Amino acid sequence: MHLNSDDLAFLARLNKSPEGRQLLRLRQAKQAECNEKLRAVTGEEVLRWQGRALAVDEMIADIATAEQKLTRVKPSVTSQTRFDPH
């Protein structure tokens, strides 16, 4: 999924809020749980837990890096071309 600038702005605000930081901690705890399960399961269960771990990891990364990505997406004032009618 491609995150647009509105999505990134939302995630950046979320990451700065107490609720967002709590969500991030919960997802990190879930990631630790997935990693523990991956060490214990075998066969097809490995694939299931790998998928869960990947999804949780992507969510954590989206929240944690949204502000950095947002600053890269927004063009700076100096980089915008100005129209000169003459």
PDB file of N, CA and C in Angstrom:
ATOM      1  N   MET A   1       0.840  -1.178   0.000  1.00  0.00           N
ATOM      2  CA  MET A   1       0.000   0.000   0.000  1.00  0.00           C
ATOM      3  C   MET A   1       0.882   1.236   0.000  1.00  0.00           C
ATOM      4  N   HIS A   2       0.576   2.150  -0.879  1.00  0.00           N
ATOM      5  CA  HIS A   2       1.316   3.403  -0.944  1.00  0.00           C
ATOM      6  C   HIS A   2       0.632   4.435  -0.055  1.00  0.00           C
ATOM      7  N   LEU A   3       1.385   5.035   0.829  1.00  0.00           N
ATOM      8  CA  LEU A   3       0.834   6.057   1.711  1.00  0.00           C
ATOM      9  C   LEU A   3       0.990   7.424   1.059  1.00  0.00           C
ATOM     10  N   ASN A   4      -0.119   8.151   0.939  1.00  0.00           N
ATOM     11  CA  ASN A   4      -0.040   9.498   0.381  1.00  0.00           C
ATOM     12  C   ASN A   4       0.304  10.481   1.494  1.00  0.00           C
ATOM     13  N   SER A   5       0.441  11.751   1.158  1.00  0.00           N
ATOM     14  CA  SER A   5       0.869  12.742   2.151  1.00  0.00           C
ATOM     15  C   SER A   5      -0.160  12.898   3.275  1.00  0.00           C
ATOM     16  N   ASP A   6      -1.446  12.740   2.984  1.00  0.00           N
ATOM     17  CA  ASP A   6      -2.460  12.800   4.046  1.00  0.00           C
ATOM     18  C   ASP A   6      -2.299  11.637   5.025  1.00  0.00           C
ATOM     19  N   ASP A   7      -2.046  10.438   4.478  1.00  0.00           N
ATOM     20  CA  ASP A   7      -1.819   9.266   5.325  1.00  0.00           C
ATOM     21  C   ASP A   7      -0.590   9.466   6.203  1.00  0.00           C
ATOM     22  N   LEU A   8       0.486   9.960   5.596  1.00  0.00           N
ATOM     23  CA  LEU A   8       1.717  10.180   6.345  1.00  0.00           C
ATOM     24  C   LEU A   8       1.535  11.239   7.424  1.00  0.00           C
ATOM     25  N   ALA A   9       0.795  12.304   7.098  1.00  0.00           N
ATOM     26  CA  ALA A   9       0.540  13.351   8.094  1.00  0.00           C
ATOM     27  C   ALA A   9      -0.249  12.787   9.272  1.00  0.00           C
ATOM     28  N   PHE A  10      -1.241  11.961   8.985  1.00  0.00           N
ATOM     29  CA  PHE A  10      -2.021  11.328  10.049  1.00  0.00           C
ATOM     30  C   PHE A  10      -1.130  10.458  10.925  1.00  0.00           C
ATOM     31  N   LEU A  11      -0.315   9.609  10.308  1.00  0.00           N
ATOM     32  CA  LEU A  11       0.553   8.719  11.072  1.00  0.00           C
ATOM     33  C   LEU A  11       1.593   9.497  11.876  1.00  0.00           C
ATOM     34  N   ALA A  12       2.093  10.602  11.318  1.00  0.00           N
ATOM     35  CA  ALA A  12       3.058  11.432  12.051  1.00  0.00           C
ATOM     36  C   ALA A  12       2.398  12.050  13.287  1.00  0.00           C
ATOM     37  N   ARG A  13       1.160  12.546  13.131  1.00  0.00           N
ATOM     38  CA  ARG A  13       0.431  13.092  14.286  1.00  0.00           C
ATOM     39  C   ARG A  13       0.148  12.000  15.308  1.00  0.00           C
ATOM     40  N   LEU A  14      -0.243  10.841  14.819  1.00  0.00           N
ATOM     41  CA  LEU A  14      -0.528   9.710  15.696  1.00  0.00           C
ATOM     42  C   LEU A  14       0.711   9.344  16.512  1.00  0.00           C
ATOM     43  N   ASN A  15       1.860   9.311  15.867  1.00  0.00           N
ATOM     44  CA  ASN A  15       3.107   8.941  16.538  1.00  0.00           C
ATOM     45  C   ASN A  15       3.482   9.938  17.634  1.00  0.00           C
ATOM     46  N   LYS A  16       3.056  11.183  17.497  1.00  0.00           N
ATOM     47  CA  LYS A  16       3.375  12.209  18.492  1.00  0.00           C
ATOM     48  C   LYS A  16       2.398  12.209  19.665  1.00  0.00           C
ATOM     49  N   SER A  17       1.263  11.571  19.510  1.00  0.00           N
ATOM     50  CA  SER A  17       0.250  11.578  20.564  1.00  0.00           C
ATOM     51  C   SER A  17       0.511  10.456  21.571  1.00  0.00           C
ATOM     52  N   PRO A  18       0.039  10.621  22.811  1.00  0.00           N
ATOM     53  CA  PRO A  18       0.187   9.540  23.795  1.00  0.00           C
ATOM     54  C   PRO A  18      -0.480   8.240  23.328  1.00  0.00           C
ATOM     55  N   GLU A  19      -1.644   8.370  22.698  1.00  0.00           N
ATOM     56  CA  GLU A  19      -2.340   7.176  22.201  1.00  0.00           C
ATOM     57  C   GLU A  19      -1.541   6.496  21.098  1.00  0.00           C
ATOM     58  N   GLY A  20      -0.939   7.286  20.246  1.00  0.00           N
ATOM     59  CA  GLY A  20      -0.132   6.731  19.164  1.00  0.00           C
ATOM     60  C   GLY A  20       1.102   6.017  19.682  1.00  0.00           C
ATOM     61  N   ARG A  21       1.740   6.609  20.687  1.00  0.00           N
ATOM     62  CA  ARG A  21       2.907   5.954  21.280  1.00  0.00           C
ATOM     63  C   ARG A  21       2.500   4.654  21.971  1.00  0.00           C
ATOM     64  N   GLN A  22       1.310   4.655  22.595  1.00  0.00           N
ATOM     65  CA  GLN A  22       0.807   3.421  23.214  1.00  0.00           C
ATOM     66  C   GLN A  22       0.532   2.360  22.147  1.00  0.00           C
ATOM     67  N   LEU A  23      -0.065   2.768  21.043  1.00  0.00           N
ATOM     68  CA  LEU A  23      -0.309   1.844  19.937  1.00  0.00           C
ATOM     69  C   LEU A  23       1.006   1.265  19.430  1.00  0.00           C
ATOM     70  N   LEU A  24       2.013   2.102  19.303  1.00  0.00           N
ATOM     71  CA  LEU A  24       3.317   1.642  18.853  1.00  0.00           C
ATOM     72  C   LEU A  24       3.903   0.623  19.834  1.00  0.00           C
ATOM     73  N   ARG A  25       3.785   0.887  21.119  1.00  0.00           N
ATOM     74  CA  ARG A  25       4.266  -0.075  22.126  1.00  0.00           C
ATOM     75  C   ARG A  25       3.502  -1.391  22.042  1.00  0.00           C
ATOM     76  N   LEU A  26       2.190  -1.316  21.829  1.00  0.00           N
ATOM     77  CA  LEU A  26       1.393  -2.538  21.691  1.00  0.00           C
ATOM     78  C   LEU A  26       1.813  -3.340  20.468  1.00  0.00           C
ATOM     79  N   ARG A  27       2.055  -2.663  19.366  1.00  0.00           N
ATOM     80  CA  ARG A  27       2.485  -3.347  18.144  1.00  0.00           C
ATOM     81  C   ARG A  27       3.880  -3.943  18.318  1.00  0.00           C
ATOM     82  N   GLN A  28       4.744  -3.252  19.052  1.00  0.00           N
ATOM     83  CA  GLN A  28       6.081  -3.785  19.307  1.00  0.00           C
ATOM     84  C   GLN A  28       6.004  -5.028  20.195  1.00  0.00           C
ATOM     85  N   ALA A  29       5.076  -5.028  21.146  1.00  0.00           N
ATOM     86  CA  ALA A  29       4.871  -6.215  21.983  1.00  0.00           C
ATOM     87  C   ALA A  29       4.350  -7.372  21.127  1.00  0.00           C
ATOM     88  N   LYS A  30       3.448  -7.060  20.195  1.00  0.00           N
ATOM     89  CA  LYS A  30       2.927  -8.086  19.290  1.00  0.00           C
ATOM     90  C   LYS A  30       4.046  -8.627  18.405  1.00  0.00           C
ATOM     91  N   GLN A  31       4.929  -7.741  17.972  1.00  0.00           N
ATOM     92  CA  GLN A  31       6.062  -8.169  17.157  1.00  0.00           C
ATOM     93  C   GLN A  31       6.959  -9.127  17.950  1.00  0.00           C
ATOM     94  N   ALA A  32       7.203  -8.821  19.209  1.00  0.00           N
ATOM     95  CA  ALA A  32       8.007  -9.709  20.058  1.00  0.00           C
ATOM     96  C   ALA A  32       7.323 -11.067  20.213  1.00  0.00           C
ATOM     97  N   GLU A  33       5.991 -11.050  20.370  1.00  0.00           N
ATOM     98  CA  GLU A  33       5.233 -12.298  20.461  1.00  0.00           C
ATOM     99  C   GLU A  33       5.385 -13.121  19.184  1.00  0.00           C
ATOM    100  N   CYS A  34       5.274 -12.466  18.047  1.00  0.00           N
ATOM    101  CA  CYS A  34       5.432 -13.161  16.762  1.00  0.00           C
ATOM    102  C   CYS A  34       6.824 -13.766  16.648  1.00  0.00           C
ATOM    103  N   ASN A  35       7.831 -13.024  17.053  1.00  0.00           N
ATOM    104  CA  ASN A  35       9.204 -13.537  16.980  1.00  0.00           C
ATOM    105  C   ASN A  35       9.391 -14.748  17.879  1.00  0.00           C
ATOM    106  N   GLU A  36       8.786 -14.725  19.068  1.00  0.00           N
ATOM    107  CA  GLU A  36       8.862 -15.881  19.970  1.00  0.00           C
ATOM    108  C   GLU A  36       8.161 -17.095  19.360  1.00  0.00           C
ATOM    109  N   LYS A  37       6.994 -16.871  18.784  1.00  0.00           N
ATOM    110  CA  LYS A  37       6.255 -17.975  18.152  1.00  0.00           C
ATOM    111  C   LYS A  37       7.056 -18.566  17.002  1.00  0.00           C
ATOM    112  N   LEU A  38       7.717 -17.707  16.229  1.00  0.00           N
ATOM    113  CA  LEU A  38       8.502 -18.196  15.088  1.00  0.00           C
ATOM    114  C   LEU A  38       9.629 -19.128  15.532  1.00  0.00           C
ATOM    115  N   ARG A  39      10.109 -18.939  16.728  1.00  0.00           N
ATOM    116  CA  ARG A  39      11.167 -19.809  17.247  1.00  0.00           C
ATOM    117  C   ARG A  39      10.620 -21.167  17.695  1.00  0.00           C
ATOM    118  N   ALA A  40       9.318 -21.230  17.945  1.00  0.00           N
ATOM    119  CA  ALA A  40       8.733 -22.445  18.516  1.00  0.00           C
ATOM    120  C   ALA A  40       7.931 -23.285  17.525  1.00  0.00           C
ATOM    121  N   VAL A  41       7.424 -22.682  16.462  1.00  0.00           N
ATOM    122  CA  VAL A  41       6.537 -23.421  15.563  1.00  0.00           C
ATOM    123  C   VAL A  41       7.316 -24.081  14.437  1.00  0.00           C
ATOM    124  N   THR A  42       6.630 -25.017  13.758  1.00  0.00           N
ATOM    125  CA  THR A  42       7.231 -25.713  12.627  1.00  0.00           C
ATOM    126  C   THR A  42       6.220 -25.793  11.490  1.00  0.00           C
ATOM    127  N   GLY A  43       6.692 -26.191  10.338  1.00  0.00           N
ATOM    128  CA  GLY A  43       5.819 -26.438   9.194  1.00  0.00           C
ATOM    129  C   GLY A  43       5.085 -25.200   8.713  1.00  0.00           C
ATOM    130  N   GLU A  44       3.803 -25.397   8.393  1.00  0.00           N
ATOM    131  CA  GLU A  44       2.989 -24.316   7.856  1.00  0.00           C
ATOM    132  C   GLU A  44       2.772 -23.187   8.850  1.00  0.00           C
ATOM    133  N   GLU A  45       2.851 -23.501  10.127  1.00  0.00           N
ATOM    134  CA  GLU A  45       2.692 -22.469  11.159  1.00  0.00           C
ATOM    135  C   GLU A  45       3.761 -21.390  11.019  1.00  0.00           C
ATOM    136  N   VAL A  46       4.949 -21.766  10.560  1.00  0.00           N
ATOM    137  CA  VAL A  46       6.020 -20.790  10.353  1.00  0.00           C
ATOM    138  C   VAL A  46       5.572 -19.743   9.346  1.00  0.00           C
ATOM    139  N   LEU A  47       4.969 -20.194   8.256  1.00  0.00           N
ATOM    140  CA  LEU A  47       4.515 -19.260   7.227  1.00  0.00           C
ATOM    141  C   LEU A  47       3.443 -18.309   7.760  1.00  0.00           C
ATOM    142  N   ARG A  48       2.524 -18.827   8.531  1.00  0.00           N
ATOM    143  CA  ARG A  48       1.476 -17.981   9.112  1.00  0.00           C
ATOM    144  C   ARG A  48       2.067 -16.915  10.027  1.00  0.00           C
ATOM    145  N   TRP A  49       2.979 -17.344  10.899  1.00  0.00           N
ATOM    146  CA  TRP A  49       3.572 -16.395  11.844  1.00  0.00           C
ATOM    147  C   TRP A  49       4.521 -15.426  11.144  1.00  0.00           C
ATOM    148  N   GLN A  50       5.160 -15.859  10.076  1.00  0.00           N
ATOM    149  CA  GLN A  50       5.994 -14.936   9.307  1.00  0.00           C
ATOM    150  C   GLN A  50       5.137 -13.833   8.692  1.00  0.00           C
ATOM    151  N   GLY A  51       3.976 -14.209   8.175  1.00  0.00           N
ATOM    152  CA  GLY A  51       3.053 -13.226   7.601  1.00  0.00           C
ATOM    153  C   GLY A  51       2.574 -12.237   8.649  1.00  0.00           C
ATOM    154  N   ARG A  52       2.234 -12.740   9.824  1.00  0.00           N
ATOM    155  CA  ARG A  52       1.800 -11.851  10.911  1.00  0.00           C
ATOM    156  C   ARG A  52       2.930 -10.914  11.317  1.00  0.00           C
ATOM    157  N   ALA A  53       4.117 -11.465  11.455  1.00  0.00           N
ATOM    158  CA  ALA A  53       5.266 -10.652  11.868  1.00  0.00           C
ATOM    159  C   ALA A  53       5.556  -9.561  10.843  1.00  0.00           C
ATOM    160  N   LEU A  54       5.454  -9.898   9.576  1.00  0.00           N
ATOM    161  CA  LEU A  54       5.703  -8.917   8.521  1.00  0.00           C
ATOM    162  C   LEU A  54       4.678  -7.791   8.555  1.00  0.00           C
ATOM    163  N   ALA A  55       3.404  -8.141   8.730  1.00  0.00           N
ATOM    164  CA  ALA A  55       2.343  -7.125   8.780  1.00  0.00           C
ATOM    165  C   ALA A  55       2.533  -6.193   9.973  1.00  0.00           C
ATOM    166  N   VAL A  56       2.869  -6.751  11.123  1.00  0.00           N
ATOM    167  CA  VAL A  56       3.088  -5.939  12.324  1.00  0.00           C
ATOM    168  C   VAL A  56       4.309  -5.045  12.119  1.00  0.00           C
ATOM    169  N   ASP A  57       5.362  -5.602  11.546  1.00  0.00           N
ATOM    170  CA  ASP A  57       6.584  -4.837  11.298  1.00  0.00           C
ATOM    171  C   ASP A  57       6.320  -3.663  10.362  1.00  0.00           C
ATOM    172  N   GLU A  58       5.533  -3.894   9.323  1.00  0.00           N
ATOM    173  CA  GLU A  58       5.205  -2.824   8.384  1.00  0.00           C
ATOM    174  C   GLU A  58       4.396  -1.720   9.061  1.00  0.00           C
ATOM    175  N   MET A  59       3.465  -2.094   9.938  1.00  0.00           N
ATOM    176  CA  MET A  59       2.675  -1.090  10.645  1.00  0.00           C
ATOM    177  C   MET A  59       3.566  -0.249  11.561  1.00  0.00           C
ATOM    178  N   ILE A  60       4.463  -0.908  12.274  1.00  0.00           N
ATOM    179  CA  ILE A  60       5.389  -0.192  13.151  1.00  0.00           C
ATOM    180  C   ILE A  60       6.238   0.780  12.333  1.00  0.00           C
ATOM    181  N   ALA A  61       6.763   0.319  11.226  1.00  0.00           N
ATOM    182  CA  ALA A  61       7.604   1.164  10.379  1.00  0.00           C
ATOM    183  C   ALA A  61       6.809   2.338   9.810  1.00  0.00           C
ATOM    184  N   ASP A  62       5.575   2.092   9.384  1.00  0.00           N
ATOM    185  CA  ASP A  62       4.746   3.177   8.846  1.00  0.00           C
ATOM    186  C   ASP A  62       4.543   4.280   9.881  1.00  0.00           C
ATOM    187  N   ILE A  63       4.236   3.884  11.105  1.00  0.00           N
ATOM    188  CA  ILE A  63       4.000   4.873  12.162  1.00  0.00           C
ATOM    189  C   ILE A  63       5.294   5.578  12.543  1.00  0.00           C
ATOM    190  N   ALA A  64       6.347   4.811  12.744  1.00  0.00           N
ATOM    191  CA  ALA A  64       7.599   5.369  13.244  1.00  0.00           C
ATOM    192  C   ALA A  64       8.323   6.257  12.237  1.00  0.00           C
ATOM    193  N   THR A  65       8.131   6.004  10.948  1.00  0.00           N
ATOM    194  CA  THR A  65       8.883   6.756   9.941  1.00  0.00           C
ATOM    195  C   THR A  65       8.023   7.735   9.140  1.00  0.00           C
ATOM    196  N   ALA A  66       6.766   7.889   9.518  1.00  0.00           N
ATOM    197  CA  ALA A  66       5.850   8.737   8.741  1.00  0.00           C
ATOM    198  C   ALA A  66       6.346  10.173   8.627  1.00  0.00           C
ATOM    199  N   GLU A  67       6.824  10.740   9.722  1.00  0.00           N
ATOM    200  CA  GLU A  67       7.261  12.137   9.678  1.00  0.00           C
ATOM    201  C   GLU A  67       8.461  12.309   8.752  1.00  0.00           C
ATOM    202  N   GLN A  68       9.398  11.389   8.796  1.00  0.00           N
ATOM    203  CA  GLN A  68      10.561  11.454   7.902  1.00  0.00           C
ATOM    204  C   GLN A  68      10.125  11.351   6.447  1.00  0.00           C
ATOM    205  N   LYS A  69       9.231  10.428   6.167  1.00  0.00           N
ATOM    206  CA  LYS A  69       8.751  10.265   4.792  1.00  0.00           C
ATOM    207  C   LYS A  69       7.973  11.491   4.343  1.00  0.00           C
ATOM    208  N   LEU A  70       7.216  12.077   5.244  1.00  0.00           N
ATOM    209  CA  LEU A  70       6.417  13.249   4.911  1.00  0.00           C
ATOM    210  C   LEU A  70       7.314  14.418   4.530  1.00  0.00           C
ATOM    211  N   THR A  71       8.407  14.607   5.226  1.00  0.00           N
ATOM    212  CA  THR A  71       9.305  15.719   4.898  1.00  0.00           C
ATOM    213  C   THR A  71       9.988  15.493   3.557  1.00  0.00           C
ATOM    214  N   ARG A  72      10.153  14.248   3.154  1.00  0.00           N
ATOM    215  CA  ARG A  72      10.726  13.966   1.838  1.00  0.00           C
ATOM    216  C   ARG A  72       9.716  14.166   0.724  1.00  0.00           C
ATOM    217  N   VAL A  73       8.424  13.998   1.041  1.00  0.00           N
ATOM    218  CA  VAL A  73       7.368  14.117   0.036  1.00  0.00           C
ATOM    219  C   VAL A  73       7.060  15.569  -0.272  1.00  0.00           C
ATOM    220  N   LYS A  74       7.071  16.425   0.748  1.00  0.00           N
ATOM    221  CA  LYS A  74       6.724  17.826   0.557  1.00  0.00           C
ATOM    222  C   LYS A  74       7.848  18.550  -0.168  1.00  0.00           C
ATOM    223  N   PRO A  75       7.545  19.226  -1.278  1.00  0.00           N
ATOM    224  CA  PRO A  75       8.591  19.998  -1.949  1.00  0.00           C
ATOM    225  C   PRO A  75       8.928  21.250  -1.139  1.00  0.00           C
ATOM    226  N   SER A  76      10.192  21.572  -1.091  1.00  0.00           N
ATOM    227  CA  SER A  76      10.585  22.772  -0.364  1.00  0.00           C
ATOM    228  C   SER A  76      10.273  24.000  -1.204  1.00  0.00           C
ATOM    229  N   VAL A  77      10.184  25.138  -0.552  1.00  0.00           N
ATOM    230  CA  VAL A  77       9.868  26.383  -1.251  1.00  0.00           C
ATOM    231  C   VAL A  77      10.959  26.713  -2.245  1.00  0.00           C
ATOM    232  N   THR A  78      12.197  26.457  -1.907  1.00  0.00           N
ATOM    233  CA  THR A  78      13.307  26.787  -2.811  1.00  0.00           C
ATOM    234  C   THR A  78      13.372  25.871  -4.012  1.00  0.00           C
ATOM    235  N   SER A  79      12.801  24.677  -3.915  1.00  0.00           N
ATOM    236  CA  SER A  79      12.867  23.752  -5.044  1.00  0.00           C
ATOM    237  C   SER A  79      11.721  23.951  -6.044  1.00  0.00           C
ATOM    238  N   GLN A  80      10.742  24.754  -5.677  1.00  0.00           N
ATOM    239  CA  GLN A  80       9.631  24.984  -6.585  1.00  0.00           C
ATOM    240  C   GLN A  80      10.044  26.002  -7.653  1.00  0.00           C
ATOM    241  N   THR A  81       9.658  25.748  -8.871  1.00  0.00           N
ATOM    242  CA  THR A  81       9.971  26.654  -9.953  1.00  0.00           C
ATOM    243  C   THR A  81       9.010  27.833  -9.939  1.00  0.00           C
ATOM    244  N   ARG A  82       9.552  28.981 -10.128  1.00  0.00           N
ATOM    245  CA  ARG A  82       8.711  30.168 -10.171  1.00  0.00           C
ATOM    246  C   ARG A  82       8.512  30.595 -11.605  1.00  0.00           C
ATOM    247  N   PHE A  83       7.312  30.962 -11.910  1.00  0.00           N
ATOM    248  CA  PHE A  83       6.965  31.397 -13.258  1.00  0.00           C
ATOM    249  C   PHE A  83       7.367  32.844 -13.447  1.00  0.00           C
ATOM    250  N   ASP A  84       8.150  33.105 -14.473  1.00  0.00           N
ATOM    251  CA  ASP A  84       8.551  34.476 -14.789  1.00  0.00           C
ATOM    252  C   ASP A  84       7.961  34.817 -16.140  1.00  0.00           C
ATOM    253  N   PRO A  85       6.954  35.724 -16.195  1.00  0.00           N
ATOM    254  CA  PRO A  85       6.269  36.004 -17.445  1.00  0.00           C
ATOM    255  C   PRO A  85       7.137  36.774 -18.443  1.00  0.00           C
ATOM    256  N   HIS A  86       8.300  37.290 -18.083  1.00  0.00           N
ATOM    257  CA  HIS A  86       9.117  38.104 -19.006  1.00  0.00           C
ATOM    258  C   HIS A  86      10.201  37.316 -19.634  1.00  0.00           C
TER     259      HIS A  86
END
